[in-house]
Amino acid sequence: MLKFILLLIVVYLVMRTVVRILRGGLFFINKGSPTQSERSSSSGRQIEEADYEVIASNLKNKEHDAK
């Protein structure tokens, strides 16, 4: 009975590993290439930084014009 339970656990772990590999690789294999969500979030950060730079430069221009 114990051997059967251990066999079920081993089969479960093997199947889980196979499913992970088929879905897109293991974590350490897929680490080098960014996913779509990571790419979009990094481009979103670049847009936010550019927006802040434009706002800061506009504020400096308004302060200079007010003097």
C-alpha atoms as a PDB file:
ATOM      1  CA  MET A   1       0.000   0.000   0.000  1.00  0.00           C
ATOM      2  CA  LEU A   2       2.827   2.405   0.840  1.00  0.00           C
ATOM      3  CA  LYS A   3       4.550   1.607  -2.452  1.00  0.00           C
ATOM      4  CA  PHE A   4       1.334   2.419  -4.305  1.00  0.00           C
ATOM      5  CA  ILE A   5       1.006   5.816  -2.599  1.00  0.00           C
ATOM      6  CA  LEU A   6       4.651   6.637  -3.321  1.00  0.00           C
ATOM      7  CA  LEU A   7       4.156   5.576  -6.947  1.00  0.00           C
ATOM      8  CA  LEU A   8       1.138   7.901  -7.221  1.00  0.00           C
ATOM      9  CA  ILE A   9       3.171  10.799  -5.813  1.00  0.00           C
ATOM     10  CA  VAL A  10       6.010  10.152  -8.262  1.00  0.00           C
ATOM     11  CA  VAL A  11       3.601   9.887 -11.214  1.00  0.00           C
ATOM     12  CA  TYR A  12       1.928  13.153 -10.147  1.00  0.00           C
ATOM     13  CA  LEU A  13       5.250  14.981  -9.930  1.00  0.00           C
ATOM     14  CA  VAL A  14       6.407  13.652 -13.296  1.00  0.00           C
ATOM     15  CA  MET A  15       3.143  14.661 -14.975  1.00  0.00           C
ATOM     16  CA  ARG A  16       3.309  18.121 -13.420  1.00  0.00           C
ATOM     17  CA  THR A  17       6.863  18.588 -14.701  1.00  0.00           C
ATOM     18  CA  VAL A  18       5.884  17.443 -18.211  1.00  0.00           C
ATOM     19  CA  VAL A  19       2.933  19.851 -18.274  1.00  0.00           C
ATOM     20  CA  ARG A  20       5.181  22.740 -17.198  1.00  0.00           C
ATOM     21  CA  ILE A  21       7.691  21.921 -19.924  1.00  0.00           C
ATOM     22  CA  LEU A  22       4.971  21.736 -22.569  1.00  0.00           C
ATOM     23  CA  ARG A  23       3.357  25.004 -21.449  1.00  0.00           C
ATOM     24  CA  GLY A  24       6.430  27.135 -21.902  1.00  0.00           C
ATOM     25  CA  GLY A  25       9.427  25.696 -20.202  1.00  0.00           C
ATOM     26  CA  LEU A  26      10.716  25.653 -16.713  1.00  0.00           C
ATOM     27  CA  PHE A  27      11.542  28.861 -14.873  1.00  0.00           C
ATOM     28  CA  PHE A  28      15.281  28.651 -15.385  1.00  0.00           C
ATOM     29  CA  ILE A  29      14.916  27.846 -19.086  1.00  0.00           C
ATOM     30  CA  ASN A  30      12.460  30.669 -19.757  1.00  0.00           C
ATOM     31  CA  LYS A  31      14.323  33.217 -17.636  1.00  0.00           C
ATOM     32  CA  GLY A  32      16.254  34.797 -20.540  1.00  0.00           C
ATOM     33  CA  SER A  33      13.320  35.827 -22.695  1.00  0.00           C
ATOM     34  CA  PRO A  34      10.825  38.318 -21.279  1.00  0.00           C
ATOM     35  CA  THR A  35       7.139  37.500 -21.550  1.00  0.00           C
ATOM     36  CA  GLN A  36       4.621  39.757 -23.272  1.00  0.00           C
ATOM     37  CA  SER A  37       3.484  41.288 -19.976  1.00  0.00           C
ATOM     38  CA  GLU A  38       7.074  42.067 -18.974  1.00  0.00           C
ATOM     39  CA  ARG A  39       7.714  43.746 -22.327  1.00  0.00           C
ATOM     40  CA  SER A  40       4.572  45.865 -22.113  1.00  0.00           C
ATOM     41  CA  SER A  41       5.262  46.897 -18.519  1.00  0.00           C
ATOM     42  CA  SER A  42       8.799  47.993 -19.357  1.00  0.00           C
ATOM     43  CA  SER A  43       7.567  50.071 -22.297  1.00  0.00           C
ATOM     44  CA  GLY A  44       4.907  51.547 -20.003  1.00  0.00           C
ATOM     45  CA  ARG A  45       7.622  52.600 -17.572  1.00  0.00           C
ATOM     46  CA  GLN A  46       9.525  54.297 -20.395  1.00  0.00           C
ATOM     47  CA  ILE A  47       6.402  56.215 -21.377  1.00  0.00           C
ATOM     48  CA  GLU A  48       5.826  57.308 -17.780  1.00  0.00           C
ATOM     49  CA  GLU A  49       9.424  58.494 -17.460  1.00  0.00           C
ATOM     50  CA  ALA A  50       9.112  60.461 -20.695  1.00  0.00           C
ATOM     51  CA  ASP A  51       5.883  62.043 -19.464  1.00  0.00           C
ATOM     52  CA  TYR A  52       7.539  63.123 -16.230  1.00  0.00           C
ATOM     53  CA  GLU A  53      10.443  64.640 -18.162  1.00  0.00           C
ATOM     54  CA  VAL A  54       8.060  66.631 -20.385  1.00  0.00           C
ATOM     55  CA  ILE A  55       6.095  67.864 -17.374  1.00  0.00           C
ATOM     56  CA  ALA A  56       9.277  68.873 -15.558  1.00  0.00           C
ATOM     57  CA  SER A  57      10.591  70.770 -18.572  1.00  0.00           C
ATOM     58  CA  ASN A  58       7.233  72.540 -19.016  1.00  0.00           C
ATOM     59  CA  LEU A  59       7.287  73.600 -15.371  1.00  0.00           C
ATOM     60  CA  LYS A  60      10.811  74.966 -15.755  1.00  0.00           C
ATOM     61  CA  ASN A  61       9.759  76.899 -18.866  1.00  0.00           C
ATOM     62  CA  LYS A  62       6.744  78.398 -17.061  1.00  0.00           C
ATOM     63  CA  GLU A  63       8.870  79.396 -14.083  1.00  0.00           C
ATOM     64  CA  HIS A  64      11.403  81.011 -16.421  1.00  0.00           C
ATOM     65  CA  ASP A  65       8.641  82.897 -18.312  1.00  0.00           C
ATOM     66  CA  ALA A  66       7.077  84.114 -15.053  1.00  0.00           C
ATOM     67  CA  LYS A  67      10.314  85.864 -13.972  1.00  0.00           C
END
